[in-house]
Amino acid sequence: MVSVSPCAYRNRYIFADELYLGSGCPVTRIQTYMYDFIYPVYECGIRIKVVSEEALLFQTELYFNPRNVCGGPQKIPLECSAS
């Protein structure tokens, strides 16, 4: 699960439809102060690398595509490890 605060970017409120995880997966749960992306690790283009016999590295990107700003979406790399 990836969680994002809607007030996390330059003191600007971020709407749920401005965010996508990986290969275009939208927010799955909207809470008062948090947006959640709840997907299995084999969806949304999430990449899994075996780091060692005891550790995995999960990699993906979060895309922020503002409604009222000119220019393309911003890409934020995300990584998480598990052992």
C-alpha atoms as a PDB file:
ATOM      1  CA  MET A   1       0.000   0.000   0.000  1.00  0.00           C
ATOM      2  CA  VAL A   2       1.165   3.507  -0.828  1.00  0.00           C
ATOM      3  CA  SER A   3      -0.336   6.470   1.057  1.00  0.00           C
ATOM      4  CA  VAL A   4      -0.117  10.122   0.011  1.00  0.00           C
ATOM      5  CA  SER A   5      -1.153  13.259   1.866  1.00  0.00           C
ATOM      6  CA  PRO A   6      -3.318  15.548  -0.299  1.00  0.00           C
ATOM      7  CA  CYS A   7      -1.503  18.572   1.168  1.00  0.00           C
ATOM      8  CA  ALA A   8       1.995  17.313   0.449  1.00  0.00           C
ATOM      9  CA  TYR A   9       2.991  19.464  -2.527  1.00  0.00           C
ATOM     10  CA  ARG A  10       3.993  23.142  -2.151  1.00  0.00           C
ATOM     11  CA  ASN A  11       1.112  23.923   0.226  1.00  0.00           C
ATOM     12  CA  ARG A  12      -1.313  23.051  -2.569  1.00  0.00           C
ATOM     13  CA  TYR A  13      -4.231  20.659  -2.178  1.00  0.00           C
ATOM     14  CA  ILE A  14      -3.833  17.626  -4.425  1.00  0.00           C
ATOM     15  CA  PHE A  15      -6.982  16.010  -5.820  1.00  0.00           C
ATOM     16  CA  ALA A  16      -7.188  12.222  -6.010  1.00  0.00           C
ATOM     17  CA  ASP A  17      -7.621  12.266  -9.793  1.00  0.00           C
ATOM     18  CA  GLU A  18      -4.270  14.072 -10.164  1.00  0.00           C
ATOM     19  CA  LEU A  19      -2.333  11.059  -8.838  1.00  0.00           C
ATOM     20  CA  TYR A  20      -1.520   7.710 -10.451  1.00  0.00           C
ATOM     21  CA  LEU A  21       0.613   4.831  -9.291  1.00  0.00           C
ATOM     22  CA  GLY A  22       2.909   3.130 -11.782  1.00  0.00           C
ATOM     23  CA  SER A  23       1.218   2.242 -15.060  1.00  0.00           C
ATOM     24  CA  GLY A  24      -1.900   4.361 -14.486  1.00  0.00           C
ATOM     25  CA  CYS A  25      -3.505   2.904 -11.353  1.00  0.00           C
ATOM     26  CA  PRO A  26      -5.791   5.450  -9.648  1.00  0.00           C
ATOM     27  CA  VAL A  27      -6.282   6.093  -5.935  1.00  0.00           C
ATOM     28  CA  THR A  28      -8.324   3.253  -4.417  1.00  0.00           C
ATOM     29  CA  ARG A  29      -9.329   4.813  -1.083  1.00  0.00           C
ATOM     30  CA  ILE A  30      -9.883   8.459  -0.173  1.00  0.00           C
ATOM     31  CA  GLN A  31      -9.633   9.366   3.497  1.00  0.00           C
ATOM     32  CA  THR A  32      -9.876  12.809   5.076  1.00  0.00           C
ATOM     33  CA  TYR A  33      -6.125  13.413   5.198  1.00  0.00           C
ATOM     34  CA  MET A  34      -4.758  10.574   3.067  1.00  0.00           C
ATOM     35  CA  TYR A  35      -5.105   8.910  -0.334  1.00  0.00           C
ATOM     36  CA  ASP A  36      -4.302   5.211  -0.518  1.00  0.00           C
ATOM     37  CA  PHE A  37      -3.215   3.071  -3.439  1.00  0.00           C
ATOM     38  CA  ILE A  38      -4.021  -0.533  -2.505  1.00  0.00           C
ATOM     39  CA  TYR A  39      -2.880  -2.950  -5.201  1.00  0.00           C
ATOM     40  CA  PRO A  40      -1.156  -6.339  -5.301  1.00  0.00           C
ATOM     41  CA  VAL A  41       2.571  -6.076  -5.994  1.00  0.00           C
ATOM     42  CA  TYR A  42       2.128  -7.706  -9.417  1.00  0.00           C
ATOM     43  CA  GLU A  43      -0.143  -4.886 -10.688  1.00  0.00           C
ATOM     44  CA  CYS A  44       0.478  -1.270 -11.741  1.00  0.00           C
ATOM     45  CA  GLY A  45       3.862  -2.037 -13.267  1.00  0.00           C
ATOM     46  CA  ILE A  46       5.464  -2.563  -9.851  1.00  0.00           C
ATOM     47  CA  ARG A  47       8.891  -4.094 -10.297  1.00  0.00           C
ATOM     48  CA  ILE A  48      10.345  -6.619  -7.852  1.00  0.00           C
ATOM     49  CA  LYS A  49      14.076  -7.245  -7.556  1.00  0.00           C
ATOM     50  CA  VAL A  50      15.676  -9.961  -5.474  1.00  0.00           C
ATOM     51  CA  VAL A  51      18.393  -8.227  -3.471  1.00  0.00           C
ATOM     52  CA  SER A  52      19.475 -11.286  -1.497  1.00  0.00           C
ATOM     53  CA  GLU A  53      18.053 -14.576  -0.266  1.00  0.00           C
ATOM     54  CA  GLU A  54      16.307 -12.611   2.458  1.00  0.00           C
ATOM     55  CA  ALA A  55      15.357  -9.305   0.841  1.00  0.00           C
ATOM     56  CA  LEU A  56      13.187  -7.993  -1.994  1.00  0.00           C
ATOM     57  CA  LEU A  57      13.138  -4.485  -3.455  1.00  0.00           C
ATOM     58  CA  PHE A  58       9.849  -3.091  -4.798  1.00  0.00           C
ATOM     59  CA  GLN A  59      10.066  -0.191  -7.244  1.00  0.00           C
ATOM     60  CA  THR A  60       7.461   1.957  -8.968  1.00  0.00           C
ATOM     61  CA  GLU A  61       6.600   5.598  -9.611  1.00  0.00           C
ATOM     62  CA  LEU A  62       3.946   8.012  -8.444  1.00  0.00           C
ATOM     63  CA  TYR A  63       2.722  10.402 -11.140  1.00  0.00           C
ATOM     64  CA  PHE A  64       1.319  13.815 -10.270  1.00  0.00           C
ATOM     65  CA  ASN A  65      -0.589  15.454 -13.115  1.00  0.00           C
ATOM     66  CA  PRO A  66      -1.942  18.814 -11.829  1.00  0.00           C
ATOM     67  CA  ARG A  67      -5.294  19.980 -13.205  1.00  0.00           C
ATOM     68  CA  ASN A  68      -4.544  23.693 -13.508  1.00  0.00           C
ATOM     69  CA  VAL A  69      -0.836  23.823 -14.270  1.00  0.00           C
ATOM     70  CA  CYS A  70       0.746  23.813 -17.705  1.00  0.00           C
ATOM     71  CA  GLY A  71       3.313  21.147 -18.374  1.00  0.00           C
ATOM     72  CA  GLY A  72       3.483  17.412 -18.113  1.00  0.00           C
ATOM     73  CA  PRO A  73       3.064  15.124 -15.155  1.00  0.00           C
ATOM     74  CA  GLN A  74       5.732  14.880 -12.502  1.00  0.00           C
ATOM     75  CA  LYS A  75       7.281  11.497 -11.775  1.00  0.00           C
ATOM     76  CA  ILE A  76       8.264  10.575  -8.218  1.00  0.00           C
ATOM     77  CA  PRO A  77      10.269   7.341  -7.851  1.00  0.00           C
ATOM     78  CA  LEU A  78       9.232   5.037  -4.990  1.00  0.00           C
ATOM     79  CA  GLU A  79      11.140   2.143  -3.426  1.00  0.00           C
ATOM     80  CA  CYS A  80      10.411  -0.191  -0.560  1.00  0.00           C
ATOM     81  CA  SER A  81      12.310  -3.213   0.697  1.00  0.00           C
ATOM     82  CA  ALA A  82      11.045  -6.267   2.550  1.00  0.00           C
ATOM     83  CA  SER A  83      12.905  -9.054   4.271  1.00  0.00           C
END
